[in-house]
Amino acid sequence: MQRACFPQVKRLEEFDFTFQPKINEKLIRELATLEFMNTAKNVLFIGAPGVGKTHLAISLGLKAAQARKRVVFYTAEQLTQELAAAEVSGRLNKMLDIMTRVDLLIIDELGYLSLTKQTAKLFFQLVSKRYEKGSIIVTSNKPFEQWGEIFNDEVVAAAILDRLLHHSYPFLISGKSFRLKSINK
């Protein structure tokens, strides 16, 4: 669990599905069995800030870590910074190999910051290398049609989406913010 670098502990049992009734609770609980990892399927949580994307990603990651799977959690910013540093230092191939051997890679907050053309290319290399080999969970506040803005390149965005969505469980979450729950009453 320590190696996973979760920013906090968020358990599935603590998630309030009644507050986000449009989320398919049955499917989330099915994903918690981790069967999706045996077939290298991806999970994408897309929605506005505060709707529970990170909570769900961490809770699935915790289930995987408890099942003794190798899990790594990154924000998109941390991940792209590490990929760029690895490229500069000549360790990119080694880092990509290590990232390919991880059972579950969680990438949080994709879309809060735009990537440079170079970091977008590195992100593509990572997704490409993991394609059909290991599961990725991505959280993003941007709908798929706006991913060209994230990656500063429509072609790279389309190639990344093509690989992520090919074998995936996309969740398009709309609803109120958990963080503003007391205000929303």
N, C-alpha and C. Protein backbone atom coordinates (compact mmCIF):
# COMPACT_ATOMS: atom_id res chain seq x y z
N MET A 1 0.83 -1.20 0.00
CA MET A 1 0.00 0.00 0.00
C MET A 1 0.86 1.26 0.00
N GLN A 2 2.00 1.21 0.72
CA GLN A 2 2.87 2.38 0.75
C GLN A 2 3.47 2.66 -0.62
N ARG A 3 3.86 1.61 -1.32
CA ARG A 3 4.45 1.77 -2.65
C ARG A 3 3.48 2.39 -3.64
N ALA A 4 2.19 2.21 -3.42
CA ALA A 4 1.18 2.73 -4.34
C ALA A 4 1.12 4.26 -4.31
N CYS A 5 1.52 4.87 -3.20
CA CYS A 5 1.54 6.34 -3.06
C CYS A 5 0.15 6.96 -3.14
N PHE A 6 -0.84 6.30 -2.55
CA PHE A 6 -2.17 6.90 -2.51
C PHE A 6 -2.12 8.19 -1.70
N PRO A 7 -2.78 9.26 -2.15
CA PRO A 7 -2.76 10.51 -1.40
C PRO A 7 -3.56 10.43 -0.10
N GLN A 8 -4.54 9.54 -0.07
CA GLN A 8 -5.32 9.28 1.14
C GLN A 8 -6.00 7.93 0.97
N VAL A 9 -6.60 7.46 2.04
CA VAL A 9 -7.31 6.18 1.99
C VAL A 9 -8.79 6.48 1.76
N LYS A 10 -9.31 5.96 0.67
CA LYS A 10 -10.73 6.11 0.34
C LYS A 10 -11.26 4.72 0.01
N ARG A 11 -12.15 4.24 0.84
CA ARG A 11 -12.67 2.88 0.66
C ARG A 11 -14.01 2.90 -0.08
N LEU A 12 -14.25 1.85 -0.83
CA LEU A 12 -15.49 1.73 -1.59
C LEU A 12 -16.70 1.73 -0.64
N GLU A 13 -16.51 1.12 0.52
CA GLU A 13 -17.61 1.03 1.49
C GLU A 13 -18.02 2.42 1.99
N GLU A 14 -17.16 3.41 1.85
CA GLU A 14 -17.44 4.78 2.31
C GLU A 14 -18.09 5.64 1.23
N PHE A 15 -18.15 5.13 0.00
CA PHE A 15 -18.68 5.93 -1.11
C PHE A 15 -20.20 6.00 -1.01
N ASP A 16 -20.75 7.19 -1.13
CA ASP A 16 -22.19 7.41 -1.02
C ASP A 16 -22.84 7.35 -2.40
N PHE A 17 -23.27 6.15 -2.78
CA PHE A 17 -23.91 5.98 -4.09
C PHE A 17 -25.27 6.67 -4.15
N THR A 18 -25.90 6.92 -3.00
CA THR A 18 -27.19 7.60 -3.01
C THR A 18 -27.02 9.06 -3.41
N PHE A 19 -25.85 9.63 -3.15
CA PHE A 19 -25.58 11.02 -3.53
C PHE A 19 -25.28 11.13 -5.03
N GLN A 20 -24.74 10.05 -5.61
CA GLN A 20 -24.45 10.00 -7.05
C GLN A 20 -25.21 8.81 -7.65
N PRO A 21 -26.54 8.89 -7.71
CA PRO A 21 -27.34 7.74 -8.15
C PRO A 21 -27.13 7.34 -9.62
N LYS A 22 -26.55 8.21 -10.43
CA LYS A 22 -26.35 7.86 -11.84
C LYS A 22 -25.15 6.94 -12.05
N ILE A 23 -24.31 6.78 -11.02
CA ILE A 23 -23.17 5.86 -11.13
C ILE A 23 -23.71 4.43 -10.99
N ASN A 24 -23.27 3.56 -11.86
CA ASN A 24 -23.70 2.17 -11.85
C ASN A 24 -23.00 1.44 -10.69
N GLU A 25 -23.66 1.42 -9.54
CA GLU A 25 -23.08 0.82 -8.33
C GLU A 25 -22.76 -0.66 -8.54
N LYS A 26 -23.65 -1.36 -9.22
CA LYS A 26 -23.44 -2.80 -9.45
C LYS A 26 -22.14 -3.02 -10.24
N LEU A 27 -21.91 -2.21 -11.26
CA LEU A 27 -20.70 -2.35 -12.07
C LEU A 27 -19.45 -1.99 -11.26
N ILE A 28 -19.54 -0.95 -10.44
CA ILE A 28 -18.38 -0.57 -9.60
C ILE A 28 -18.05 -1.72 -8.65
N ARG A 29 -19.05 -2.31 -8.04
CA ARG A 29 -18.81 -3.44 -7.12
C ARG A 29 -18.25 -4.65 -7.87
N GLU A 30 -18.68 -4.83 -9.11
CA GLU A 30 -18.12 -5.90 -9.94
C GLU A 30 -16.63 -5.61 -10.25
N LEU A 31 -16.32 -4.35 -10.54
CA LEU A 31 -14.92 -3.97 -10.78
C LEU A 31 -14.07 -4.20 -9.54
N ALA A 32 -14.66 -4.07 -8.37
CA ALA A 32 -13.94 -4.28 -7.11
C ALA A 32 -13.49 -5.73 -6.93
N THR A 33 -14.02 -6.64 -7.74
CA THR A 33 -13.54 -8.03 -7.71
C THR A 33 -12.20 -8.14 -8.43
N LEU A 34 -11.83 -7.09 -9.17
CA LEU A 34 -10.55 -6.96 -9.89
C LEU A 34 -10.45 -7.84 -11.12
N GLU A 35 -11.55 -8.42 -11.54
CA GLU A 35 -11.55 -9.24 -12.76
C GLU A 35 -11.09 -8.43 -13.97
N PHE A 36 -11.40 -7.15 -14.00
CA PHE A 36 -11.01 -6.30 -15.13
C PHE A 36 -9.49 -6.27 -15.32
N MET A 37 -8.75 -6.48 -14.25
CA MET A 37 -7.29 -6.47 -14.33
C MET A 37 -6.75 -7.73 -15.03
N ASN A 38 -7.47 -8.83 -14.92
CA ASN A 38 -7.02 -10.08 -15.56
C ASN A 38 -7.06 -9.97 -17.08
N THR A 39 -7.88 -9.06 -17.59
CA THR A 39 -7.99 -8.88 -19.04
C THR A 39 -7.44 -7.52 -19.48
N ALA A 40 -6.70 -6.87 -18.60
CA ALA A 40 -6.04 -5.57 -18.90
C ALA A 40 -7.02 -4.52 -19.39
N LYS A 41 -8.20 -4.50 -18.80
CA LYS A 41 -9.18 -3.47 -19.16
C LYS A 41 -8.92 -2.21 -18.34
N ASN A 42 -9.34 -1.08 -18.89
CA ASN A 42 -9.15 0.21 -18.25
C ASN A 42 -10.46 0.70 -17.66
N VAL A 43 -10.34 1.62 -16.72
CA VAL A 43 -11.50 2.26 -16.11
C VAL A 43 -11.28 3.75 -16.23
N LEU A 44 -12.27 4.46 -16.78
CA LEU A 44 -12.16 5.91 -16.94
C LEU A 44 -13.30 6.58 -16.21
N PHE A 45 -12.95 7.46 -15.28
CA PHE A 45 -13.93 8.24 -14.54
C PHE A 45 -13.85 9.68 -15.04
N ILE A 46 -14.92 10.13 -15.71
CA ILE A 46 -14.96 11.45 -16.31
C ILE A 46 -16.09 12.23 -15.66
N GLY A 47 -15.78 13.44 -15.20
CA GLY A 47 -16.84 14.26 -14.60
C GLY A 47 -16.28 15.51 -13.95
N ALA A 48 -17.18 16.34 -13.51
CA ALA A 48 -16.82 17.61 -12.87
C ALA A 48 -16.07 17.37 -11.56
N PRO A 49 -15.38 18.38 -11.07
CA PRO A 49 -14.71 18.23 -9.77
C PRO A 49 -15.70 17.89 -8.65
N GLY A 50 -15.26 16.99 -7.77
CA GLY A 50 -16.04 16.68 -6.58
C GLY A 50 -17.08 15.60 -6.71
N VAL A 51 -17.20 14.94 -7.88
CA VAL A 51 -18.26 13.95 -8.05
C VAL A 51 -17.87 12.54 -7.59
N GLY A 52 -16.61 12.37 -7.15
CA GLY A 52 -16.20 11.08 -6.60
C GLY A 52 -15.24 10.28 -7.46
N LYS A 53 -14.70 10.88 -8.50
CA LYS A 53 -13.81 10.15 -9.41
C LYS A 53 -12.57 9.61 -8.69
N THR A 54 -11.89 10.47 -7.96
CA THR A 54 -10.67 10.06 -7.26
C THR A 54 -10.99 9.05 -6.16
N HIS A 55 -12.08 9.27 -5.45
CA HIS A 55 -12.49 8.32 -4.40
C HIS A 55 -12.65 6.93 -4.99
N LEU A 56 -13.35 6.82 -6.11
CA LEU A 56 -13.57 5.51 -6.73
C LEU A 56 -12.26 4.92 -7.24
N ALA A 57 -11.41 5.75 -7.84
CA ALA A 57 -10.12 5.26 -8.35
C ALA A 57 -9.26 4.72 -7.22
N ILE A 58 -9.17 5.48 -6.12
CA ILE A 58 -8.37 5.04 -4.97
C ILE A 58 -8.97 3.77 -4.36
N SER A 59 -10.28 3.71 -4.25
CA SER A 59 -10.90 2.53 -3.61
C SER A 59 -10.64 1.27 -4.44
N LEU A 60 -10.68 1.37 -5.76
CA LEU A 60 -10.33 0.21 -6.59
C LEU A 60 -8.85 -0.12 -6.46
N GLY A 61 -8.02 0.92 -6.37
CA GLY A 61 -6.59 0.72 -6.17
C GLY A 61 -6.29 0.04 -4.84
N LEU A 62 -7.00 0.43 -3.80
CA LEU A 62 -6.82 -0.20 -2.48
C LEU A 62 -7.19 -1.68 -2.54
N LYS A 63 -8.31 -1.98 -3.21
CA LYS A 63 -8.71 -3.40 -3.35
C LYS A 63 -7.60 -4.19 -4.05
N ALA A 64 -7.01 -3.60 -5.08
CA ALA A 64 -5.94 -4.28 -5.81
C ALA A 64 -4.70 -4.45 -4.92
N ALA A 65 -4.34 -3.42 -4.18
CA ALA A 65 -3.17 -3.50 -3.29
C ALA A 65 -3.40 -4.57 -2.20
N GLN A 66 -4.63 -4.63 -1.68
CA GLN A 66 -4.95 -5.63 -0.66
C GLN A 66 -4.89 -7.04 -1.25
N ALA A 67 -5.10 -7.14 -2.56
CA ALA A 67 -5.01 -8.45 -3.23
C ALA A 67 -3.58 -8.73 -3.68
N ARG A 68 -2.64 -7.94 -3.17
CA ARG A 68 -1.21 -8.09 -3.42
C ARG A 68 -0.82 -7.82 -4.88
N LYS A 69 -1.57 -6.95 -5.51
CA LYS A 69 -1.24 -6.50 -6.87
C LYS A 69 -0.34 -5.28 -6.75
N ARG A 70 0.50 -5.09 -7.75
CA ARG A 70 1.37 -3.90 -7.77
C ARG A 70 0.57 -2.73 -8.33
N VAL A 71 0.39 -1.72 -7.50
CA VAL A 71 -0.42 -0.56 -7.85
C VAL A 71 0.42 0.70 -7.67
N VAL A 72 0.27 1.64 -8.62
CA VAL A 72 0.94 2.93 -8.49
C VAL A 72 -0.08 4.01 -8.80
N PHE A 73 -0.11 5.02 -7.94
CA PHE A 73 -1.01 6.17 -8.10
C PHE A 73 -0.19 7.40 -8.42
N TYR A 74 -0.57 8.12 -9.46
CA TYR A 74 0.06 9.37 -9.84
C TYR A 74 -1.01 10.41 -10.16
N THR A 75 -0.72 11.67 -9.92
CA THR A 75 -1.50 12.69 -10.60
C THR A 75 -0.90 12.77 -12.00
N ALA A 76 -1.67 13.25 -12.96
CA ALA A 76 -1.16 13.37 -14.33
C ALA A 76 0.07 14.27 -14.35
N GLU A 77 0.06 15.32 -13.53
CA GLU A 77 1.20 16.23 -13.48
C GLU A 77 2.46 15.53 -12.97
N GLN A 78 2.33 14.78 -11.86
CA GLN A 78 3.48 14.04 -11.32
C GLN A 78 4.03 13.06 -12.36
N LEU A 79 3.12 12.33 -12.99
CA LEU A 79 3.52 11.31 -13.95
C LEU A 79 4.27 11.91 -15.13
N THR A 80 3.73 12.98 -15.71
CA THR A 80 4.39 13.57 -16.87
C THR A 80 5.72 14.21 -16.48
N GLN A 81 5.81 14.76 -15.28
CA GLN A 81 7.09 15.31 -14.82
C GLN A 81 8.13 14.20 -14.68
N GLU A 82 7.73 13.07 -14.12
CA GLU A 82 8.66 11.94 -13.96
C GLU A 82 9.07 11.36 -15.32
N LEU A 83 8.13 11.28 -16.25
CA LEU A 83 8.46 10.79 -17.59
C LEU A 83 9.44 11.73 -18.28
N ALA A 84 9.21 13.03 -18.15
CA ALA A 84 10.10 14.02 -18.78
C ALA A 84 11.50 13.96 -18.15
N ALA A 85 11.55 13.83 -16.82
CA ALA A 85 12.85 13.73 -16.13
C ALA A 85 13.58 12.46 -16.56
N ALA A 86 12.84 11.36 -16.71
CA ALA A 86 13.45 10.10 -17.14
C ALA A 86 13.99 10.22 -18.56
N GLU A 87 13.27 10.93 -19.41
CA GLU A 87 13.75 11.12 -20.78
C GLU A 87 15.04 11.93 -20.81
N VAL A 88 15.08 13.01 -20.04
CA VAL A 88 16.26 13.88 -20.00
C VAL A 88 17.48 13.12 -19.47
N SER A 89 17.25 12.27 -18.48
CA SER A 89 18.37 11.54 -17.86
C SER A 89 18.71 10.23 -18.57
N GLY A 90 18.00 9.94 -19.67
CA GLY A 90 18.29 8.72 -20.41
C GLY A 90 17.70 7.46 -19.80
N ARG A 91 16.75 7.61 -18.87
CA ARG A 91 16.14 6.45 -18.19
C ARG A 91 14.71 6.17 -18.66
N LEU A 92 14.28 6.80 -19.74
CA LEU A 92 12.88 6.66 -20.17
C LEU A 92 12.50 5.21 -20.44
N ASN A 93 13.30 4.49 -21.21
CA ASN A 93 12.96 3.10 -21.52
C ASN A 93 12.87 2.25 -20.26
N LYS A 94 13.76 2.49 -19.32
CA LYS A 94 13.73 1.75 -18.05
C LYS A 94 12.44 2.07 -17.28
N MET A 95 12.08 3.37 -17.23
CA MET A 95 10.86 3.75 -16.52
C MET A 95 9.63 3.15 -17.20
N LEU A 96 9.58 3.20 -18.52
CA LEU A 96 8.44 2.62 -19.25
C LEU A 96 8.35 1.11 -19.00
N ASP A 97 9.49 0.43 -18.95
CA ASP A 97 9.48 -1.01 -18.65
C ASP A 97 8.94 -1.28 -17.25
N ILE A 98 9.38 -0.49 -16.28
CA ILE A 98 8.89 -0.64 -14.90
C ILE A 98 7.39 -0.39 -14.86
N MET A 99 6.94 0.67 -15.54
CA MET A 99 5.52 1.02 -15.54
C MET A 99 4.67 -0.04 -16.25
N THR A 100 5.27 -0.78 -17.16
CA THR A 100 4.55 -1.84 -17.86
C THR A 100 4.33 -3.04 -16.94
N ARG A 101 5.24 -3.23 -15.99
CA ARG A 101 5.13 -4.38 -15.08
C ARG A 101 4.18 -4.13 -13.91
N VAL A 102 3.77 -2.90 -13.70
CA VAL A 102 2.81 -2.58 -12.64
C VAL A 102 1.46 -3.18 -13.03
N ASP A 103 0.77 -3.78 -12.07
CA ASP A 103 -0.52 -4.40 -12.38
C ASP A 103 -1.61 -3.37 -12.64
N LEU A 104 -1.58 -2.27 -11.87
CA LEU A 104 -2.61 -1.23 -12.02
C LEU A 104 -1.96 0.13 -11.89
N LEU A 105 -2.12 0.93 -12.92
CA LEU A 105 -1.62 2.30 -12.93
C LEU A 105 -2.82 3.23 -12.81
N ILE A 106 -2.81 4.09 -11.80
CA ILE A 106 -3.89 5.06 -11.62
C ILE A 106 -3.34 6.44 -11.94
N ILE A 107 -4.01 7.12 -12.86
CA ILE A 107 -3.61 8.47 -13.27
C ILE A 107 -4.77 9.41 -12.93
N ASP A 108 -4.55 10.26 -11.96
CA ASP A 108 -5.59 11.15 -11.44
C ASP A 108 -5.43 12.55 -12.02
N GLU A 109 -6.54 13.23 -12.15
CA GLU A 109 -6.57 14.66 -12.51
C GLU A 109 -6.04 14.97 -13.91
N LEU A 110 -6.27 14.08 -14.85
CA LEU A 110 -5.88 14.37 -16.23
C LEU A 110 -6.81 15.46 -16.75
N GLY A 111 -6.23 16.54 -17.21
CA GLY A 111 -7.05 17.61 -17.77
C GLY A 111 -7.04 18.89 -16.96
N TYR A 112 -6.56 18.82 -15.72
CA TYR A 112 -6.49 20.05 -14.93
C TYR A 112 -5.41 20.97 -15.48
N LEU A 113 -4.35 20.37 -16.00
CA LEU A 113 -3.28 21.14 -16.63
C LEU A 113 -3.04 20.58 -18.01
N SER A 114 -2.80 21.45 -18.97
CA SER A 114 -2.48 20.99 -20.33
C SER A 114 -1.05 20.47 -20.35
N LEU A 115 -0.83 19.49 -21.18
CA LEU A 115 0.52 18.94 -21.33
C LEU A 115 1.21 19.64 -22.50
N THR A 116 2.52 19.63 -22.46
CA THR A 116 3.28 20.14 -23.60
C THR A 116 3.24 19.07 -24.68
N LYS A 117 3.63 19.43 -25.88
CA LYS A 117 3.67 18.43 -26.98
C LYS A 117 4.57 17.27 -26.58
N GLN A 118 5.70 17.60 -25.91
CA GLN A 118 6.66 16.56 -25.51
C GLN A 118 6.08 15.64 -24.43
N THR A 119 5.48 16.21 -23.38
CA THR A 119 4.93 15.35 -22.32
C THR A 119 3.72 14.57 -22.84
N ALA A 120 2.98 15.14 -23.78
CA ALA A 120 1.87 14.40 -24.39
C ALA A 120 2.40 13.18 -25.14
N LYS A 121 3.51 13.36 -25.84
CA LYS A 121 4.13 12.26 -26.57
C LYS A 121 4.60 11.17 -25.59
N LEU A 122 5.18 11.59 -24.46
CA LEU A 122 5.64 10.63 -23.45
C LEU A 122 4.46 9.88 -22.84
N PHE A 123 3.37 10.60 -22.58
CA PHE A 123 2.15 10.00 -22.04
C PHE A 123 1.63 8.95 -23.03
N PHE A 124 1.63 9.29 -24.31
CA PHE A 124 1.21 8.34 -25.34
C PHE A 124 2.08 7.09 -25.32
N GLN A 125 3.40 7.28 -25.20
CA GLN A 125 4.31 6.12 -25.17
C GLN A 125 3.96 5.19 -24.01
N LEU A 126 3.65 5.77 -22.86
CA LEU A 126 3.30 4.97 -21.69
C LEU A 126 2.00 4.19 -21.94
N VAL A 127 0.98 4.88 -22.40
CA VAL A 127 -0.31 4.23 -22.66
C VAL A 127 -0.14 3.14 -23.72
N SER A 128 0.64 3.43 -24.74
CA SER A 128 0.90 2.47 -25.81
C SER A 128 1.61 1.23 -25.28
N LYS A 129 2.59 1.43 -24.44
CA LYS A 129 3.38 0.33 -23.88
C LYS A 129 2.51 -0.57 -22.98
N ARG A 130 1.56 0.03 -22.26
CA ARG A 130 0.69 -0.74 -21.36
C ARG A 130 -0.51 -1.35 -22.09
N TYR A 131 -0.79 -0.88 -23.29
CA TYR A 131 -1.98 -1.31 -24.03
C TYR A 131 -2.07 -2.83 -24.10
N GLU A 132 -3.18 -3.35 -23.61
CA GLU A 132 -3.49 -4.78 -23.56
C GLU A 132 -2.53 -5.59 -22.69
N LYS A 133 -1.72 -4.90 -21.88
CA LYS A 133 -0.80 -5.60 -20.97
C LYS A 133 -1.13 -5.33 -19.50
N GLY A 134 -1.65 -4.14 -19.21
CA GLY A 134 -1.95 -3.79 -17.83
C GLY A 134 -3.04 -2.75 -17.76
N SER A 135 -3.83 -2.81 -16.71
CA SER A 135 -4.95 -1.90 -16.54
C SER A 135 -4.51 -0.51 -16.11
N ILE A 136 -5.28 0.47 -16.58
CA ILE A 136 -5.07 1.86 -16.20
C ILE A 136 -6.42 2.41 -15.74
N ILE A 137 -6.39 3.15 -14.64
CA ILE A 137 -7.57 3.91 -14.22
C ILE A 137 -7.21 5.37 -14.43
N VAL A 138 -8.07 6.10 -15.12
CA VAL A 138 -7.85 7.52 -15.37
C VAL A 138 -9.03 8.30 -14.83
N THR A 139 -8.73 9.41 -14.14
CA THR A 139 -9.80 10.35 -13.77
C THR A 139 -9.53 11.64 -14.52
N SER A 140 -10.60 12.24 -15.02
CA SER A 140 -10.47 13.50 -15.76
C SER A 140 -11.72 14.35 -15.59
N ASN A 141 -11.50 15.65 -15.56
CA ASN A 141 -12.61 16.58 -15.49
C ASN A 141 -13.07 17.01 -16.88
N LYS A 142 -12.38 16.53 -17.91
CA LYS A 142 -12.69 16.92 -19.30
C LYS A 142 -13.36 15.77 -20.04
N PRO A 143 -14.45 16.06 -20.76
CA PRO A 143 -15.06 15.02 -21.59
C PRO A 143 -14.10 14.63 -22.72
N PHE A 144 -14.28 13.45 -23.26
CA PHE A 144 -13.36 12.92 -24.26
C PHE A 144 -13.15 13.88 -25.45
N GLU A 145 -14.21 14.56 -25.85
CA GLU A 145 -14.07 15.45 -27.02
C GLU A 145 -13.17 16.65 -26.75
N GLN A 146 -12.82 16.89 -25.49
CA GLN A 146 -11.90 18.00 -25.16
C GLN A 146 -10.48 17.51 -24.86
N TRP A 147 -10.19 16.25 -25.06
CA TRP A 147 -8.86 15.74 -24.75
C TRP A 147 -7.78 16.28 -25.68
N GLY A 148 -8.17 16.75 -26.85
CA GLY A 148 -7.21 17.40 -27.75
C GLY A 148 -6.59 18.62 -27.08
N GLU A 149 -7.38 19.32 -26.26
CA GLU A 149 -6.87 20.48 -25.50
C GLU A 149 -5.86 20.04 -24.44
N ILE A 150 -6.13 18.94 -23.79
CA ILE A 150 -5.22 18.44 -22.74
C ILE A 150 -3.86 18.13 -23.33
N PHE A 151 -3.87 17.45 -24.47
CA PHE A 151 -2.63 16.97 -25.07
C PHE A 151 -2.03 17.92 -26.12
N ASN A 152 -2.71 19.06 -26.33
CA ASN A 152 -2.24 20.04 -27.32
C ASN A 152 -2.03 19.42 -28.69
N ASP A 153 -2.77 18.36 -28.98
CA ASP A 153 -2.60 17.67 -30.25
C ASP A 153 -3.78 16.71 -30.42
N GLU A 154 -4.62 16.98 -31.41
CA GLU A 154 -5.81 16.14 -31.64
C GLU A 154 -5.44 14.71 -32.01
N VAL A 155 -4.37 14.55 -32.79
CA VAL A 155 -3.97 13.21 -33.25
C VAL A 155 -3.47 12.36 -32.08
N VAL A 156 -2.63 12.95 -31.23
CA VAL A 156 -2.12 12.23 -30.05
C VAL A 156 -3.28 11.90 -29.11
N ALA A 157 -4.18 12.86 -28.91
CA ALA A 157 -5.34 12.63 -28.04
C ALA A 157 -6.19 11.48 -28.58
N ALA A 158 -6.41 11.46 -29.88
CA ALA A 158 -7.22 10.40 -30.49
C ALA A 158 -6.53 9.04 -30.33
N ALA A 159 -5.21 9.01 -30.49
CA ALA A 159 -4.47 7.75 -30.35
C ALA A 159 -4.51 7.24 -28.91
N ILE A 160 -4.39 8.16 -27.95
CA ILE A 160 -4.47 7.78 -26.53
C ILE A 160 -5.87 7.27 -26.21
N LEU A 161 -6.88 8.02 -26.61
CA LEU A 161 -8.27 7.61 -26.35
C LEU A 161 -8.59 6.27 -27.01
N ASP A 162 -8.09 6.07 -28.22
CA ASP A 162 -8.32 4.82 -28.94
C ASP A 162 -7.84 3.64 -28.11
N ARG A 163 -6.66 3.76 -27.54
CA ARG A 163 -6.08 2.66 -26.74
C ARG A 163 -6.77 2.53 -25.38
N LEU A 164 -7.06 3.65 -24.74
CA LEU A 164 -7.70 3.58 -23.42
C LEU A 164 -9.13 3.05 -23.50
N LEU A 165 -9.86 3.46 -24.53
CA LEU A 165 -11.27 3.09 -24.64
C LEU A 165 -11.51 1.72 -25.26
N HIS A 166 -10.51 1.19 -25.98
CA HIS A 166 -10.70 -0.08 -26.68
C HIS A 166 -11.21 -1.19 -25.76
N HIS A 167 -10.58 -1.36 -24.63
CA HIS A 167 -11.03 -2.34 -23.62
C HIS A 167 -11.24 -1.54 -22.33
N SER A 168 -12.46 -1.05 -22.12
CA SER A 168 -12.61 -0.16 -20.96
C SER A 168 -14.02 -0.15 -20.39
N TYR A 169 -14.06 0.45 -19.22
CA TYR A 169 -15.31 0.75 -18.53
C TYR A 169 -15.33 2.26 -18.33
N PRO A 170 -15.96 3.01 -19.24
CA PRO A 170 -16.02 4.46 -19.05
C PRO A 170 -17.22 4.85 -18.17
N PHE A 171 -16.96 5.72 -17.22
CA PHE A 171 -18.02 6.24 -16.36
C PHE A 171 -18.08 7.74 -16.58
N LEU A 172 -19.19 8.22 -17.14
CA LEU A 172 -19.39 9.64 -17.33
C LEU A 172 -20.28 10.11 -16.18
N ILE A 173 -19.65 10.72 -15.19
CA ILE A 173 -20.34 11.04 -13.94
C ILE A 173 -20.83 12.49 -13.96
N SER A 174 -22.13 12.64 -13.82
CA SER A 174 -22.69 13.99 -13.68
C SER A 174 -23.40 14.00 -12.33
N GLY A 175 -23.35 15.10 -11.69
CA GLY A 175 -23.99 15.20 -10.39
C GLY A 175 -23.36 16.30 -9.57
N LYS A 176 -23.81 16.38 -8.35
CA LYS A 176 -23.32 17.44 -7.46
C LYS A 176 -21.99 17.04 -6.82
N SER A 177 -21.28 18.04 -6.36
CA SER A 177 -20.01 17.83 -5.71
C SER A 177 -20.20 17.33 -4.28
N PHE A 178 -19.46 16.25 -3.95
CA PHE A 178 -19.47 15.76 -2.56
C PHE A 178 -18.94 16.83 -1.62
N ARG A 179 -17.93 17.58 -2.10
CA ARG A 179 -17.30 18.59 -1.25
C ARG A 179 -18.28 19.71 -0.91
N LEU A 180 -19.25 19.95 -1.78
CA LEU A 180 -20.22 21.01 -1.53
C LEU A 180 -21.53 20.46 -1.00
N LYS A 181 -21.50 19.21 -0.54
CA LYS A 181 -22.70 18.50 -0.09
C LYS A 181 -23.51 19.30 0.95
N SER A 182 -22.81 19.86 1.94
CA SER A 182 -23.53 20.59 2.99
C SER A 182 -24.16 21.87 2.45
N ILE A 183 -23.57 22.45 1.43
CA ILE A 183 -24.10 23.67 0.82
C ILE A 183 -25.27 23.33 -0.10
N ASN A 184 -25.21 22.16 -0.74
CA ASN A 184 -26.21 21.75 -1.71
C ASN A 184 -27.55 21.32 -1.09
N LYS A 185 -27.62 21.24 0.23
CA LYS A 185 -28.85 20.75 0.89
C LYS A 185 -29.99 21.71 0.75
